[in-house]
Amino acid sequence: MYKKFVTQLFLCNMLLIMSWFCVGGAQINKTAAAPAFQVAGSEIVKPKADRFFGRSKRAASGQRIVDYVVMEKEYKYDLKSADYEALLKIVQAEAGNEDLEGKMLVAGVVMNRVASDKFPDSVTEVVLQKEKGVYQFSPVGNGTYRNARASQETIEAVERVLKGEDITQGALYFAARKSADPEKMRWFDSSLVKLFAHGNHEFFING
């Protein structure tokens, strides 16, 4: 009887010890299975991501994080592809030898005309406009416009203007005095108000 009681007590102790090991092992496995998260009270704390110049690089767990898109400056003007191409070509033809600001000024004048009630409502129509049988932009008349291929700087200048950069002071006209028809320049001087000069061009507005 006594031996039976001792045996039962021994078995109970063994069961208790085995249960303790099982509970401890389960806790260890739980901790090891979730290295990417930590428990703080009742909150789940996610690993912090490294930041480098505004971009998420990699989480603490080693898992890649998708880069977020940095918002670009919105366009002020939404052009059709044909109008965009026309703007590039006329800027290149008129100001290919000018600096970035000179190219922006020509693009800006074109866009000022599009916005004005005195001129057509699209870039293509403004660029190809004739007045008394004469093209408003000489490169259209002499053919250099048709063969123009925009440089990278011309593209940058046009993009900046389309995104709202305006350095024209409202100019609607420009002319290269050294190469312009003297009769035409007399009309500029008598009928318009000169605003400023940049590079080879002088810029004007209605008087």
N, C-alpha and C. Protein backbone atom coordinates (compact mmCIF):
# COMPACT_ATOMS: atom_id res chain seq x y z
N MET A 1 0.84 -1.21 0.00
CA MET A 1 0.00 0.00 0.00
C MET A 1 0.87 1.25 0.00
N TYR A 2 1.88 1.24 0.87
CA TYR A 2 2.79 2.39 0.99
C TYR A 2 3.58 2.58 -0.30
N LYS A 3 4.03 1.46 -0.87
CA LYS A 3 4.81 1.54 -2.12
C LYS A 3 3.96 2.08 -3.27
N LYS A 4 2.68 1.67 -3.29
CA LYS A 4 1.77 2.14 -4.35
C LYS A 4 1.56 3.65 -4.25
N PHE A 5 1.46 4.17 -3.01
CA PHE A 5 1.26 5.60 -2.80
C PHE A 5 2.49 6.40 -3.26
N VAL A 6 3.68 5.87 -2.93
CA VAL A 6 4.94 6.54 -3.33
C VAL A 6 5.07 6.58 -4.84
N THR A 7 4.70 5.47 -5.48
CA THR A 7 4.78 5.40 -6.95
C THR A 7 3.86 6.43 -7.60
N GLN A 8 2.62 6.54 -7.06
CA GLN A 8 1.67 7.51 -7.62
C GLN A 8 2.16 8.94 -7.43
N LEU A 9 2.76 9.22 -6.24
CA LEU A 9 3.29 10.55 -5.97
C LEU A 9 4.43 10.90 -6.91
N PHE A 10 5.28 9.91 -7.18
CA PHE A 10 6.41 10.11 -8.09
C PHE A 10 5.93 10.44 -9.51
N LEU A 11 4.90 9.69 -9.93
CA LEU A 11 4.36 9.91 -11.27
C LEU A 11 3.72 11.29 -11.39
N CYS A 12 3.03 11.74 -10.33
CA CYS A 12 2.42 13.08 -10.35
C CYS A 12 3.48 14.16 -10.48
N ASN A 13 4.59 13.98 -9.70
CA ASN A 13 5.68 14.96 -9.78
C ASN A 13 6.28 15.01 -11.18
N MET A 14 6.44 13.86 -11.78
CA MET A 14 7.00 13.80 -13.14
C MET A 14 6.10 14.51 -14.14
N LEU A 15 4.78 14.33 -13.97
CA LEU A 15 3.83 14.99 -14.86
C LEU A 15 3.91 16.51 -14.71
N LEU A 16 4.03 16.98 -13.46
CA LEU A 16 4.13 18.43 -13.21
C LEU A 16 5.39 19.01 -13.84
N ILE A 17 6.51 18.27 -13.69
CA ILE A 17 7.79 18.74 -14.25
C ILE A 17 7.72 18.80 -15.78
N MET A 18 7.12 17.76 -16.37
CA MET A 18 7.00 17.73 -17.84
C MET A 18 6.09 18.85 -18.34
N SER A 19 5.03 19.14 -17.59
CA SER A 19 4.12 20.22 -17.97
C SER A 19 4.83 21.56 -17.94
N TRP A 20 5.69 21.76 -16.92
CA TRP A 20 6.42 23.02 -16.79
C TRP A 20 7.35 23.23 -17.98
N PHE A 21 8.05 22.13 -18.39
CA PHE A 21 8.95 22.22 -19.53
C PHE A 21 8.18 22.52 -20.82
N CYS A 22 7.01 21.92 -20.96
CA CYS A 22 6.20 22.15 -22.17
C CYS A 22 5.75 23.60 -22.27
N VAL A 23 5.28 24.17 -21.13
CA VAL A 23 4.83 25.57 -21.14
C VAL A 23 5.99 26.51 -21.45
N GLY A 24 7.15 26.25 -20.83
CA GLY A 24 8.33 27.08 -21.08
C GLY A 24 8.79 26.99 -22.51
N GLY A 25 8.76 25.78 -23.06
CA GLY A 25 9.17 25.60 -24.45
C GLY A 25 8.26 26.30 -25.42
N ALA A 26 6.96 26.27 -25.12
CA ALA A 26 5.99 26.94 -26.00
C ALA A 26 6.22 28.44 -26.00
N GLN A 27 6.56 29.00 -24.83
CA GLN A 27 6.82 30.44 -24.75
C GLN A 27 8.06 30.81 -25.55
N ILE A 28 9.09 29.96 -25.45
CA ILE A 28 10.32 30.21 -26.22
C ILE A 28 10.04 30.16 -27.71
N ASN A 29 9.28 29.17 -28.15
CA ASN A 29 8.95 29.06 -29.57
C ASN A 29 8.15 30.25 -30.06
N LYS A 30 7.23 30.75 -29.22
CA LYS A 30 6.41 31.90 -29.59
C LYS A 30 7.27 33.13 -29.82
N THR A 31 8.25 33.31 -28.92
CA THR A 31 9.14 34.47 -29.03
C THR A 31 10.01 34.37 -30.26
N ALA A 32 10.53 33.16 -30.52
CA ALA A 32 11.42 32.97 -31.67
C ALA A 32 10.68 33.08 -32.98
N ALA A 33 9.39 32.75 -32.98
CA ALA A 33 8.62 32.73 -34.23
C ALA A 33 8.22 34.12 -34.68
N ALA A 34 8.33 35.13 -33.82
CA ALA A 34 7.89 36.48 -34.19
C ALA A 34 8.95 37.52 -33.91
N PRO A 35 10.14 37.47 -34.61
CA PRO A 35 11.22 38.42 -34.35
C PRO A 35 10.92 39.80 -34.88
N ALA A 36 9.97 39.89 -35.79
CA ALA A 36 9.70 41.19 -36.41
C ALA A 36 8.75 42.03 -35.59
N PHE A 37 8.16 41.51 -34.53
CA PHE A 37 7.21 42.25 -33.72
C PHE A 37 7.57 42.10 -32.25
N GLN A 38 7.29 43.13 -31.47
CA GLN A 38 7.50 43.08 -30.03
C GLN A 38 6.21 43.50 -29.36
N VAL A 39 5.95 42.93 -28.20
CA VAL A 39 4.74 43.26 -27.47
C VAL A 39 5.06 44.25 -26.38
N ALA A 40 4.39 45.39 -26.38
CA ALA A 40 4.57 46.39 -25.32
C ALA A 40 3.20 46.61 -24.71
N GLY A 41 2.94 45.99 -23.55
CA GLY A 41 1.60 46.04 -22.98
C GLY A 41 0.68 45.26 -23.88
N SER A 42 -0.34 45.93 -24.40
CA SER A 42 -1.28 45.27 -25.32
C SER A 42 -1.07 45.71 -26.76
N GLU A 43 -0.02 46.57 -27.00
CA GLU A 43 0.22 47.08 -28.36
C GLU A 43 1.21 46.21 -29.08
N ILE A 44 1.01 46.07 -30.40
CA ILE A 44 1.99 45.40 -31.25
C ILE A 44 2.86 46.47 -31.87
N VAL A 45 4.16 46.44 -31.62
CA VAL A 45 5.08 47.45 -32.12
C VAL A 45 5.77 46.91 -33.35
N LYS A 46 5.54 47.53 -34.49
CA LYS A 46 6.16 47.10 -35.74
C LYS A 46 7.58 47.64 -35.82
N PRO A 47 8.47 46.96 -36.53
CA PRO A 47 9.85 47.42 -36.64
C PRO A 47 9.92 48.72 -37.41
N LYS A 48 10.84 49.56 -37.01
CA LYS A 48 11.01 50.84 -37.69
C LYS A 48 11.78 50.63 -38.98
N ALA A 49 11.45 51.45 -40.00
CA ALA A 49 12.17 51.38 -41.28
C ALA A 49 13.23 52.45 -41.31
N ASP A 50 14.39 52.15 -41.92
CA ASP A 50 15.43 53.14 -42.09
C ASP A 50 14.96 54.15 -43.13
N ARG A 51 15.39 55.40 -42.97
CA ARG A 51 15.04 56.45 -43.93
C ARG A 51 16.30 57.02 -44.54
N PHE A 52 16.28 57.28 -45.83
CA PHE A 52 17.42 57.88 -46.50
C PHE A 52 16.90 58.79 -47.60
N PHE A 53 17.05 60.11 -47.41
CA PHE A 53 16.55 61.10 -48.37
C PHE A 53 15.09 60.88 -48.69
N GLY A 54 14.28 60.65 -47.64
CA GLY A 54 12.84 60.55 -47.83
C GLY A 54 12.36 59.21 -48.34
N ARG A 55 13.25 58.22 -48.48
CA ARG A 55 12.82 56.93 -49.01
C ARG A 55 12.97 55.86 -47.93
N SER A 56 11.98 54.98 -47.80
CA SER A 56 12.08 53.85 -46.89
C SER A 56 13.01 52.82 -47.51
N LYS A 57 13.99 52.33 -46.75
CA LYS A 57 14.95 51.40 -47.33
C LYS A 57 14.65 49.95 -46.96
N ARG A 58 14.77 49.62 -45.65
CA ARG A 58 14.64 48.22 -45.26
C ARG A 58 14.17 48.14 -43.82
N ALA A 59 13.24 47.25 -43.54
CA ALA A 59 12.73 47.10 -42.18
C ALA A 59 13.76 46.38 -41.32
N ALA A 60 13.56 46.44 -39.98
CA ALA A 60 14.50 45.80 -39.06
C ALA A 60 14.55 44.30 -39.28
N SER A 61 13.49 43.71 -39.78
CA SER A 61 13.45 42.27 -40.02
C SER A 61 14.22 41.87 -41.26
N GLY A 62 14.66 42.86 -42.05
CA GLY A 62 15.38 42.55 -43.28
C GLY A 62 14.49 42.53 -44.50
N GLN A 63 13.19 42.67 -44.34
CA GLN A 63 12.26 42.64 -45.46
C GLN A 63 12.27 43.97 -46.19
N ARG A 64 12.32 43.96 -47.53
CA ARG A 64 12.35 45.20 -48.31
C ARG A 64 11.04 45.95 -48.16
N ILE A 65 11.15 47.28 -48.11
CA ILE A 65 9.98 48.15 -48.05
C ILE A 65 9.86 48.85 -49.40
N VAL A 66 8.66 48.95 -49.96
CA VAL A 66 8.44 49.61 -51.25
C VAL A 66 8.65 51.10 -51.09
N ASP A 67 9.47 51.72 -51.96
CA ASP A 67 9.72 53.16 -51.90
C ASP A 67 8.44 53.92 -52.17
N TYR A 68 8.21 55.00 -51.41
CA TYR A 68 7.03 55.81 -51.69
C TYR A 68 7.37 56.86 -52.73
N VAL A 69 6.37 57.29 -53.47
CA VAL A 69 6.57 58.22 -54.58
C VAL A 69 6.60 59.65 -54.05
N VAL A 70 7.65 60.38 -54.39
CA VAL A 70 7.75 61.78 -54.01
C VAL A 70 6.94 62.60 -55.01
N MET A 71 5.99 63.38 -54.50
CA MET A 71 5.10 64.14 -55.38
C MET A 71 5.88 65.22 -56.12
N GLU A 72 5.71 65.28 -57.43
CA GLU A 72 6.36 66.30 -58.24
C GLU A 72 5.46 67.52 -58.36
N LYS A 73 6.07 68.62 -58.76
CA LYS A 73 5.31 69.84 -58.97
C LYS A 73 4.30 69.60 -60.09
N GLU A 74 3.07 70.04 -59.87
CA GLU A 74 2.02 69.80 -60.85
C GLU A 74 2.17 70.73 -62.06
N TYR A 75 1.66 70.28 -63.20
CA TYR A 75 1.70 71.08 -64.41
C TYR A 75 0.62 72.16 -64.38
N LYS A 76 1.00 73.34 -64.80
CA LYS A 76 0.03 74.43 -64.93
C LYS A 76 -0.73 74.29 -66.24
N TYR A 77 -0.03 73.80 -67.27
CA TYR A 77 -0.62 73.64 -68.60
C TYR A 77 -0.65 72.16 -68.96
N ASP A 78 -1.77 71.71 -69.46
CA ASP A 78 -1.94 70.32 -69.89
C ASP A 78 -2.06 70.31 -71.40
N LEU A 79 -0.96 70.00 -72.09
CA LEU A 79 -0.93 70.08 -73.55
C LEU A 79 -1.15 68.72 -74.21
N LYS A 80 -1.78 68.76 -75.36
CA LYS A 80 -1.85 67.57 -76.21
C LYS A 80 -0.46 67.31 -76.77
N SER A 81 -0.21 66.09 -77.21
CA SER A 81 1.12 65.72 -77.69
C SER A 81 1.57 66.59 -78.87
N ALA A 82 0.64 66.92 -79.77
CA ALA A 82 0.99 67.74 -80.92
C ALA A 82 1.39 69.15 -80.50
N ASP A 83 0.69 69.70 -79.51
CA ASP A 83 1.03 71.03 -79.01
C ASP A 83 2.36 71.02 -78.27
N TYR A 84 2.60 69.97 -77.51
CA TYR A 84 3.87 69.85 -76.79
C TYR A 84 5.03 69.79 -77.78
N GLU A 85 4.87 69.02 -78.84
CA GLU A 85 5.90 68.90 -79.87
C GLU A 85 6.12 70.23 -80.57
N ALA A 86 5.04 70.93 -80.85
CA ALA A 86 5.15 72.24 -81.50
C ALA A 86 5.90 73.23 -80.61
N LEU A 87 5.65 73.18 -79.32
CA LEU A 87 6.33 74.09 -78.40
C LEU A 87 7.82 73.78 -78.33
N LEU A 88 8.17 72.51 -78.25
CA LEU A 88 9.58 72.13 -78.25
C LEU A 88 10.29 72.61 -79.51
N LYS A 89 9.66 72.41 -80.65
CA LYS A 89 10.28 72.75 -81.93
C LYS A 89 10.46 74.26 -82.10
N ILE A 90 9.46 75.05 -81.71
CA ILE A 90 9.60 76.49 -81.90
C ILE A 90 10.63 77.08 -80.92
N VAL A 91 10.69 76.53 -79.71
CA VAL A 91 11.70 77.00 -78.75
C VAL A 91 13.10 76.67 -79.26
N GLN A 92 13.27 75.47 -79.77
CA GLN A 92 14.57 75.08 -80.31
C GLN A 92 14.94 75.94 -81.52
N ALA A 93 13.99 76.15 -82.40
CA ALA A 93 14.26 76.94 -83.62
C ALA A 93 14.55 78.40 -83.30
N GLU A 94 13.84 78.97 -82.35
CA GLU A 94 13.99 80.39 -82.02
C GLU A 94 15.13 80.65 -81.04
N ALA A 95 15.38 79.71 -80.12
CA ALA A 95 16.31 79.98 -79.03
C ALA A 95 17.31 78.86 -78.80
N GLY A 96 17.59 78.09 -79.82
CA GLY A 96 18.53 76.98 -79.68
C GLY A 96 19.91 77.42 -79.23
N ASN A 97 20.30 78.65 -79.57
CA ASN A 97 21.62 79.16 -79.18
C ASN A 97 21.57 80.00 -77.90
N GLU A 98 20.38 80.14 -77.32
CA GLU A 98 20.23 80.91 -76.08
C GLU A 98 20.47 80.01 -74.86
N ASP A 99 20.63 80.63 -73.69
CA ASP A 99 20.77 79.85 -72.47
C ASP A 99 19.40 79.35 -72.01
N LEU A 100 19.38 78.68 -70.86
CA LEU A 100 18.13 78.10 -70.37
C LEU A 100 17.05 79.16 -70.19
N GLU A 101 17.41 80.31 -69.62
CA GLU A 101 16.42 81.37 -69.42
C GLU A 101 15.92 81.91 -70.75
N GLY A 102 16.80 82.01 -71.74
CA GLY A 102 16.38 82.46 -73.06
C GLY A 102 15.37 81.53 -73.68
N LYS A 103 15.56 80.23 -73.48
CA LYS A 103 14.61 79.24 -73.99
C LYS A 103 13.28 79.32 -73.23
N MET A 104 13.38 79.51 -71.90
CA MET A 104 12.16 79.64 -71.10
C MET A 104 11.36 80.88 -71.50
N LEU A 105 12.04 81.94 -71.86
CA LEU A 105 11.35 83.17 -72.26
C LEU A 105 10.56 82.96 -73.55
N VAL A 106 11.14 82.28 -74.52
CA VAL A 106 10.44 82.02 -75.78
C VAL A 106 9.23 81.12 -75.51
N ALA A 107 9.43 80.06 -74.73
CA ALA A 107 8.31 79.18 -74.39
C ALA A 107 7.23 79.95 -73.64
N GLY A 108 7.66 80.84 -72.75
CA GLY A 108 6.70 81.63 -71.99
C GLY A 108 5.88 82.57 -72.84
N VAL A 109 6.51 83.18 -73.85
CA VAL A 109 5.78 84.07 -74.75
C VAL A 109 4.71 83.28 -75.51
N VAL A 110 5.06 82.10 -75.97
CA VAL A 110 4.09 81.27 -76.68
C VAL A 110 2.90 80.97 -75.77
N MET A 111 3.17 80.59 -74.52
CA MET A 111 2.08 80.26 -73.60
C MET A 111 1.29 81.52 -73.22
N ASN A 112 1.93 82.67 -73.16
CA ASN A 112 1.20 83.92 -72.91
C ASN A 112 0.22 84.20 -74.05
N ARG A 113 0.64 83.89 -75.26
CA ARG A 113 -0.24 84.10 -76.41
C ARG A 113 -1.43 83.14 -76.36
N VAL A 114 -1.18 81.92 -75.97
CA VAL A 114 -2.29 80.96 -75.86
C VAL A 114 -3.33 81.46 -74.86
N ALA A 115 -2.85 82.08 -73.80
CA ALA A 115 -3.76 82.57 -72.75
C ALA A 115 -4.42 83.90 -73.09
N SER A 116 -3.91 84.59 -74.11
CA SER A 116 -4.42 85.91 -74.47
C SER A 116 -5.59 85.82 -75.45
N ASP A 117 -6.52 86.75 -75.32
CA ASP A 117 -7.66 86.81 -76.25
C ASP A 117 -7.24 87.32 -77.63
N LYS A 118 -6.05 87.85 -77.74
CA LYS A 118 -5.58 88.42 -79.00
C LYS A 118 -4.99 87.37 -79.94
N PHE A 119 -4.81 86.14 -79.43
CA PHE A 119 -4.16 85.09 -80.21
C PHE A 119 -4.97 83.79 -80.14
N PRO A 120 -4.62 82.82 -81.02
CA PRO A 120 -5.35 81.53 -81.01
C PRO A 120 -5.25 80.82 -79.66
N ASP A 121 -6.06 79.77 -79.51
CA ASP A 121 -6.21 79.11 -78.21
C ASP A 121 -5.36 77.86 -78.01
N SER A 122 -4.54 77.49 -78.97
CA SER A 122 -3.68 76.32 -78.81
C SER A 122 -2.25 76.66 -79.24
N VAL A 123 -1.30 75.90 -78.73
CA VAL A 123 0.11 76.15 -79.06
C VAL A 123 0.35 76.00 -80.55
N THR A 124 -0.17 74.95 -81.13
CA THR A 124 0.06 74.72 -82.57
C THR A 124 -0.49 75.86 -83.40
N GLU A 125 -1.68 76.34 -83.07
CA GLU A 125 -2.27 77.45 -83.82
C GLU A 125 -1.48 78.73 -83.62
N VAL A 126 -0.97 78.97 -82.42
CA VAL A 126 -0.15 80.15 -82.16
C VAL A 126 1.14 80.08 -82.97
N VAL A 127 1.78 78.94 -82.96
CA VAL A 127 3.06 78.78 -83.66
C VAL A 127 2.90 78.93 -85.17
N LEU A 128 1.81 78.41 -85.72
CA LEU A 128 1.61 78.44 -87.18
C LEU A 128 0.79 79.64 -87.65
N GLN A 129 0.47 80.55 -86.75
CA GLN A 129 -0.38 81.70 -87.11
C GLN A 129 0.29 82.60 -88.15
N LYS A 130 -0.54 83.09 -89.07
CA LYS A 130 -0.09 84.06 -90.08
C LYS A 130 -0.80 85.38 -89.85
N GLU A 131 -0.12 86.46 -90.11
CA GLU A 131 -0.69 87.80 -90.04
C GLU A 131 -0.41 88.49 -91.37
N LYS A 132 -1.48 88.73 -92.13
CA LYS A 132 -1.35 89.32 -93.47
C LYS A 132 -0.43 88.47 -94.35
N GLY A 133 -0.61 87.16 -94.24
CA GLY A 133 0.16 86.23 -95.08
C GLY A 133 1.56 85.93 -94.59
N VAL A 134 1.94 86.51 -93.44
CA VAL A 134 3.30 86.31 -92.92
C VAL A 134 3.23 85.55 -91.60
N TYR A 135 4.06 84.52 -91.48
CA TYR A 135 4.09 83.75 -90.24
C TYR A 135 4.58 84.63 -89.09
N GLN A 136 3.99 84.43 -87.92
CA GLN A 136 4.38 85.18 -86.73
C GLN A 136 5.79 84.82 -86.26
N PHE A 137 6.19 83.60 -86.50
CA PHE A 137 7.53 83.15 -86.10
C PHE A 137 8.33 82.81 -87.36
N SER A 138 9.42 83.51 -87.55
CA SER A 138 10.20 83.36 -88.79
C SER A 138 10.69 81.94 -89.05
N PRO A 139 11.06 81.14 -88.03
CA PRO A 139 11.50 79.77 -88.33
C PRO A 139 10.43 78.92 -89.01
N VAL A 140 9.15 79.25 -88.79
CA VAL A 140 8.08 78.51 -89.47
C VAL A 140 8.11 78.85 -90.96
N GLY A 141 8.36 80.11 -91.25
CA GLY A 141 8.40 80.53 -92.65
C GLY A 141 9.62 80.04 -93.41
N ASN A 142 10.79 80.01 -92.75
CA ASN A 142 12.01 79.62 -93.47
C ASN A 142 12.33 78.13 -93.38
N GLY A 143 11.51 77.36 -92.67
CA GLY A 143 11.67 75.91 -92.67
C GLY A 143 12.49 75.34 -91.52
N THR A 144 13.18 76.18 -90.76
CA THR A 144 14.01 75.65 -89.67
C THR A 144 13.15 75.05 -88.55
N TYR A 145 11.94 75.54 -88.42
CA TYR A 145 11.03 74.98 -87.42
C TYR A 145 10.72 73.52 -87.72
N ARG A 146 10.47 73.22 -88.96
CA ARG A 146 10.07 71.87 -89.34
C ARG A 146 11.16 70.85 -89.02
N ASN A 147 12.44 71.25 -89.15
CA ASN A 147 13.55 70.33 -88.96
C ASN A 147 14.17 70.40 -87.56
N ALA A 148 13.61 71.21 -86.69
CA ALA A 148 14.19 71.40 -85.36
C ALA A 148 14.07 70.13 -84.52
N ARG A 149 15.11 69.82 -83.77
CA ARG A 149 15.14 68.69 -82.84
C ARG A 149 15.52 69.23 -81.47
N ALA A 150 14.63 69.12 -80.53
CA ALA A 150 14.82 69.74 -79.22
C ALA A 150 16.00 69.13 -78.46
N SER A 151 16.84 70.00 -77.92
CA SER A 151 17.94 69.56 -77.06
C SER A 151 17.41 69.26 -75.66
N GLN A 152 18.25 68.67 -74.83
CA GLN A 152 17.84 68.37 -73.46
C GLN A 152 17.54 69.65 -72.70
N GLU A 153 18.30 70.71 -72.96
CA GLU A 153 18.05 71.98 -72.27
C GLU A 153 16.74 72.60 -72.72
N THR A 154 16.41 72.44 -73.99
CA THR A 154 15.12 72.94 -74.48
C THR A 154 13.98 72.20 -73.80
N ILE A 155 14.11 70.89 -73.67
CA ILE A 155 13.08 70.10 -72.98
C ILE A 155 12.93 70.58 -71.55
N GLU A 156 14.05 70.82 -70.87
CA GLU A 156 14.00 71.29 -69.48
C GLU A 156 13.31 72.65 -69.39
N ALA A 157 13.66 73.54 -70.31
CA ALA A 157 13.05 74.87 -70.31
C ALA A 157 11.54 74.79 -70.50
N VAL A 158 11.10 73.99 -71.45
CA VAL A 158 9.66 73.84 -71.72
C VAL A 158 8.97 73.23 -70.52
N GLU A 159 9.56 72.21 -69.91
CA GLU A 159 8.96 71.58 -68.74
C GLU A 159 8.78 72.58 -67.61
N ARG A 160 9.77 73.39 -67.38
CA ARG A 160 9.69 74.37 -66.29
C ARG A 160 8.59 75.39 -66.54
N VAL A 161 8.45 75.80 -67.79
CA VAL A 161 7.38 76.75 -68.12
C VAL A 161 6.02 76.10 -67.97
N LEU A 162 5.88 74.86 -68.42
CA LEU A 162 4.60 74.16 -68.31
C LEU A 162 4.21 73.90 -66.87
N LYS A 163 5.20 73.89 -65.98
CA LYS A 163 4.92 73.71 -64.56
C LYS A 163 4.73 75.04 -63.83
N GLY A 164 4.68 76.13 -64.61
CA GLY A 164 4.29 77.40 -64.01
C GLY A 164 5.37 78.44 -63.80
N GLU A 165 6.62 78.16 -64.17
CA GLU A 165 7.67 79.17 -64.02
C GLU A 165 7.52 80.21 -65.13
N ASP A 166 7.30 81.45 -64.75
CA ASP A 166 7.07 82.53 -65.72
C ASP A 166 8.02 83.68 -65.44
N ILE A 167 8.96 83.91 -66.36
CA ILE A 167 9.92 85.01 -66.21
C ILE A 167 9.74 86.04 -67.32
N THR A 168 8.58 86.02 -67.98
CA THR A 168 8.36 86.85 -69.17
C THR A 168 7.87 88.26 -68.87
N GLN A 169 7.41 88.50 -67.65
CA GLN A 169 6.79 89.78 -67.29
C GLN A 169 5.58 90.10 -68.18
N GLY A 170 4.97 89.06 -68.70
CA GLY A 170 3.77 89.23 -69.52
C GLY A 170 4.03 89.46 -71.00
N ALA A 171 5.25 89.33 -71.44
CA ALA A 171 5.61 89.59 -72.85
C ALA A 171 4.80 88.74 -73.82
N LEU A 172 4.39 89.38 -74.92
CA LEU A 172 3.65 88.68 -75.97
C LEU A 172 4.42 88.66 -77.30
N TYR A 173 5.53 89.37 -77.34
CA TYR A 173 6.33 89.48 -78.56
C TYR A 173 7.81 89.44 -78.20
N PHE A 174 8.60 88.98 -79.16
CA PHE A 174 10.05 89.08 -79.02
C PHE A 174 10.65 89.20 -80.42
N ALA A 175 11.84 89.75 -80.48
CA ALA A 175 12.51 89.91 -81.77
C ALA A 175 14.01 89.97 -81.56
N ALA A 176 14.75 89.45 -82.53
CA ALA A 176 16.21 89.54 -82.53
C ALA A 176 16.57 90.71 -83.44
N ARG A 177 16.85 91.86 -82.86
CA ARG A 177 17.02 93.10 -83.63
C ARG A 177 18.10 92.98 -84.71
N LYS A 178 19.20 92.31 -84.38
CA LYS A 178 20.32 92.25 -85.31
C LYS A 178 19.96 91.51 -86.61
N SER A 179 19.07 90.53 -86.51
CA SER A 179 18.74 89.74 -87.70
C SER A 179 17.34 90.02 -88.24
N ALA A 180 16.59 90.90 -87.56
CA ALA A 180 15.20 91.16 -87.97
C ALA A 180 15.13 92.15 -89.12
N ASP A 181 14.02 92.08 -89.86
CA ASP A 181 13.73 93.05 -90.91
C ASP A 181 13.59 94.43 -90.26
N PRO A 182 14.35 95.45 -90.75
CA PRO A 182 14.29 96.79 -90.15
C PRO A 182 12.87 97.36 -90.11
N GLU A 183 12.09 97.08 -91.16
CA GLU A 183 10.71 97.57 -91.18
C GLU A 183 9.90 96.95 -90.06
N LYS A 184 10.12 95.69 -89.83
CA LYS A 184 9.41 95.00 -88.75
C LYS A 184 9.82 95.56 -87.39
N MET A 185 11.11 95.84 -87.23
CA MET A 185 11.57 96.39 -85.96
C MET A 185 11.02 97.79 -85.72
N ARG A 186 10.80 98.55 -86.78
CA ARG A 186 10.20 99.88 -86.62
C ARG A 186 8.78 99.74 -86.07
N TRP A 187 8.07 98.71 -86.52
CA TRP A 187 6.71 98.47 -86.00
C TRP A 187 6.79 98.10 -84.51
N PHE A 188 7.74 97.24 -84.14
CA PHE A 188 7.93 96.87 -82.74
C PHE A 188 8.16 98.11 -81.88
N ASP A 189 9.05 98.99 -82.36
CA ASP A 189 9.44 100.16 -81.57
C ASP A 189 8.32 101.18 -81.46
N SER A 190 7.49 101.28 -82.49
CA SER A 190 6.44 102.31 -82.49
C SER A 190 5.12 101.82 -81.91
N SER A 191 4.86 100.51 -82.00
CA SER A 191 3.55 99.99 -81.59
C SER A 191 3.55 99.24 -80.27
N LEU A 192 4.71 98.86 -79.80
CA LEU A 192 4.79 98.04 -78.59
C LEU A 192 5.64 98.71 -77.52
N VAL A 193 5.58 98.16 -76.33
CA VAL A 193 6.39 98.65 -75.22
C VAL A 193 7.48 97.60 -74.93
N LYS A 194 8.72 98.04 -74.98
CA LYS A 194 9.82 97.12 -74.70
C LYS A 194 9.90 96.87 -73.20
N LEU A 195 9.99 95.61 -72.83
CA LEU A 195 10.10 95.24 -71.42
C LEU A 195 11.55 95.04 -70.99
N PHE A 196 12.28 94.25 -71.75
CA PHE A 196 13.67 93.95 -71.40
C PHE A 196 14.32 93.21 -72.56
N ALA A 197 15.62 93.00 -72.44
CA ALA A 197 16.37 92.22 -73.43
C ALA A 197 17.07 91.08 -72.71
N HIS A 198 17.16 89.96 -73.39
CA HIS A 198 17.89 88.81 -72.85
C HIS A 198 18.53 88.08 -74.01
N GLY A 199 19.85 87.89 -73.93
CA GLY A 199 20.54 87.26 -75.04
C GLY A 199 20.40 88.09 -76.30
N ASN A 200 19.99 87.44 -77.38
CA ASN A 200 19.82 88.14 -78.66
C ASN A 200 18.41 88.68 -78.84
N HIS A 201 17.52 88.45 -77.90
CA HIS A 201 16.12 88.82 -78.06
C HIS A 201 15.72 90.02 -77.20
N GLU A 202 14.81 90.81 -77.74
CA GLU A 202 14.15 91.86 -76.98
C GLU A 202 12.69 91.45 -76.84
N PHE A 203 12.12 91.75 -75.68
CA PHE A 203 10.76 91.30 -75.38
C PHE A 203 9.83 92.49 -75.19
N PHE A 204 8.61 92.36 -75.73
CA PHE A 204 7.67 93.47 -75.81
C PHE A 204 6.26 93.06 -75.35
N ILE A 205 5.47 94.09 -75.06
CA ILE A 205 4.07 93.90 -74.74
C ILE A 205 3.28 95.02 -75.43
N ASN A 206 1.99 94.80 -75.59
CA ASN A 206 1.16 95.84 -76.21
C ASN A 206 1.20 97.12 -75.40
N GLY A 207 1.22 98.26 -76.12
CA GLY A 207 1.25 99.56 -75.46
C GLY A 207 -0.12 99.97 -74.91
